Amino acid sequence: MENMNKIEQFLLKHYKIHNMIFPNAIARHCNSSIKETYNELEILKNNGWVKPVYMIGCPYCNLDTGYQYYTILDIEDGMEIGCPHCDKIFTIKRMDNNVKVYYEYIKGDK
């Protein structure tokens, strides 16, 4: 719970509405494991502080493609997309490593 307070304070101090939260940055700042950070962000999601954002990363160059979705079901399994960075075309699978979960800061958003 002490770590939760650290995360809450960090978000209040450094984030504005609709800023993207990268769990690895939170883990580094709060000196916690990535697994613990994701668990705490899920609690914050349930409390209305954040919402998950599913972003598609390129399996070739490992950069984010800019495609983002607010539910995992919005990602069309088998859809082909092109990476704007390396120009490779690849097929999205919902449960592949190239679907990354970040969070959007929404506390106070009405």
Protein backbone atom coordinates (compact mmCIF):
# COMPACT_ATOMS: atom_id res chain seq x y z
CA MET A 1 0.00 0.00 0.00
CA GLU A 2 2.94 2.33 0.63
CA ASN A 3 3.91 1.87 -3.02
CA MET A 4 0.34 2.76 -4.04
CA ASN A 5 0.68 6.11 -2.25
CA LYS A 6 3.97 6.70 -4.07
CA ILE A 7 2.29 6.03 -7.41
CA GLU A 8 -0.68 8.25 -6.59
CA GLN A 9 1.62 11.11 -5.53
CA PHE A 10 3.78 10.64 -8.63
CA LEU A 11 0.74 10.77 -10.91
CA LEU A 12 -0.72 13.84 -9.18
CA LYS A 13 2.61 15.67 -9.42
CA HIS A 14 3.69 14.76 -12.96
CA TYR A 15 0.63 13.88 -15.04
CA LYS A 16 -2.19 15.85 -16.62
CA ILE A 17 -5.51 14.48 -17.86
CA HIS A 18 -5.06 12.20 -20.88
CA ASN A 19 -1.29 11.84 -20.45
CA MET A 20 -0.03 8.36 -21.29
CA ILE A 21 1.42 6.38 -18.38
CA PHE A 22 4.23 3.95 -19.12
CA PRO A 23 4.32 1.32 -16.37
CA ASN A 24 8.08 0.81 -16.64
CA ALA A 25 8.63 4.52 -15.83
CA ILE A 26 6.36 4.23 -12.78
CA ALA A 27 8.18 1.06 -11.67
CA ARG A 28 11.56 2.81 -11.94
CA HIS A 29 10.36 5.88 -10.04
CA CYS A 30 8.67 3.89 -7.28
CA ASN A 31 11.37 1.22 -7.11
CA SER A 32 8.87 -1.61 -7.63
CA SER A 33 8.67 -4.59 -9.94
CA ILE A 34 6.83 -4.23 -13.22
CA LYS A 35 4.33 -6.90 -12.10
CA GLU A 36 3.59 -5.02 -8.87
CA THR A 37 3.23 -1.77 -10.83
CA TYR A 38 0.71 -3.30 -13.25
CA ASN A 39 -1.26 -4.70 -10.29
CA GLU A 40 -1.37 -1.27 -8.65
CA LEU A 41 -2.36 0.42 -11.92
CA GLU A 42 -5.26 -2.04 -12.17
CA ILE A 43 -6.40 -0.93 -8.70
CA LEU A 44 -6.16 2.69 -9.86
CA LYS A 45 -8.18 1.74 -12.93
CA ASN A 46 -10.93 0.37 -10.69
CA ASN A 47 -10.82 3.62 -8.70
CA GLY A 48 -11.24 5.79 -11.80
CA TRP A 49 -7.70 7.18 -11.99
CA VAL A 50 -6.53 5.48 -15.19
CA LYS A 51 -7.82 3.47 -18.13
CA PRO A 52 -5.89 0.88 -20.11
CA VAL A 53 -4.70 1.65 -23.62
CA TYR A 54 -3.56 -1.19 -25.86
CA MET A 55 -0.83 -0.10 -28.24
CA ILE A 56 0.59 -2.07 -31.13
CA GLY A 57 4.36 -2.37 -31.29
CA CYS A 58 6.23 -3.42 -34.41
CA PRO A 59 7.76 -6.92 -34.09
CA TYR A 60 10.58 -5.86 -36.45
CA CYS A 61 11.85 -2.54 -35.09
CA ASN A 62 10.15 -2.70 -31.63
CA LEU A 63 8.76 0.84 -31.88
CA ASP A 64 5.15 1.76 -31.19
CA THR A 65 3.18 2.03 -34.42
CA GLY A 66 0.72 4.64 -33.17
CA TYR A 67 -2.23 2.26 -33.33
CA GLN A 68 -4.04 2.33 -29.99
CA TYR A 69 -7.23 0.79 -28.68
CA TYR A 70 -9.21 1.15 -25.47
CA THR A 71 -10.31 -2.50 -25.25
CA ILE A 72 -8.50 -5.64 -26.30
CA LEU A 73 -11.58 -6.67 -28.28
CA ASP A 74 -11.20 -3.59 -30.51
CA ILE A 75 -8.02 -5.14 -31.89
CA GLU A 76 -8.97 -7.14 -34.95
CA ASP A 77 -7.15 -10.47 -34.77
CA GLY A 78 -5.37 -11.16 -38.04
CA MET A 79 -5.44 -7.54 -39.24
CA GLU A 80 -2.39 -6.48 -41.22
CA ILE A 81 -0.83 -3.12 -40.47
CA GLY A 82 2.25 -1.30 -41.62
CA CYS A 83 4.87 0.13 -39.32
CA PRO A 84 5.40 3.87 -39.92
CA HIS A 85 9.03 3.54 -38.77
CA CYS A 86 10.44 0.58 -40.71
CA ASP A 87 7.70 0.14 -43.36
CA LYS A 88 7.31 -3.59 -42.58
CA ILE A 89 3.83 -5.08 -42.78
CA PHE A 90 2.79 -7.55 -40.10
CA THR A 91 -0.29 -9.34 -38.81
CA ILE A 92 -1.70 -8.43 -35.39
CA LYS A 93 -2.57 -11.16 -32.94
CA ARG A 94 -4.28 -9.93 -29.76
CA MET A 95 -2.21 -12.11 -27.47
CA ASP A 96 1.18 -11.51 -29.12
CA ASN A 97 4.03 -9.69 -27.47
CA ASN A 98 3.56 -6.74 -29.79
CA VAL A 99 0.32 -5.65 -28.03
CA LYS A 100 1.46 -3.52 -25.10
CA VAL A 101 -0.71 -2.26 -22.25
CA TYR A 102 -0.17 1.30 -21.12
CA TYR A 103 -2.56 3.53 -19.19
CA GLU A 104 -4.13 6.91 -19.75
CA TYR A 105 -4.42 9.26 -16.77
CA ILE A 106 -8.10 10.23 -16.37
CA LYS A 107 -8.48 11.27 -12.70
CA GLY A 108 -10.77 14.28 -12.64
CA ASP A 109 -11.92 13.81 -16.24
CA LYS A 110 -15.66 14.33 -16.52
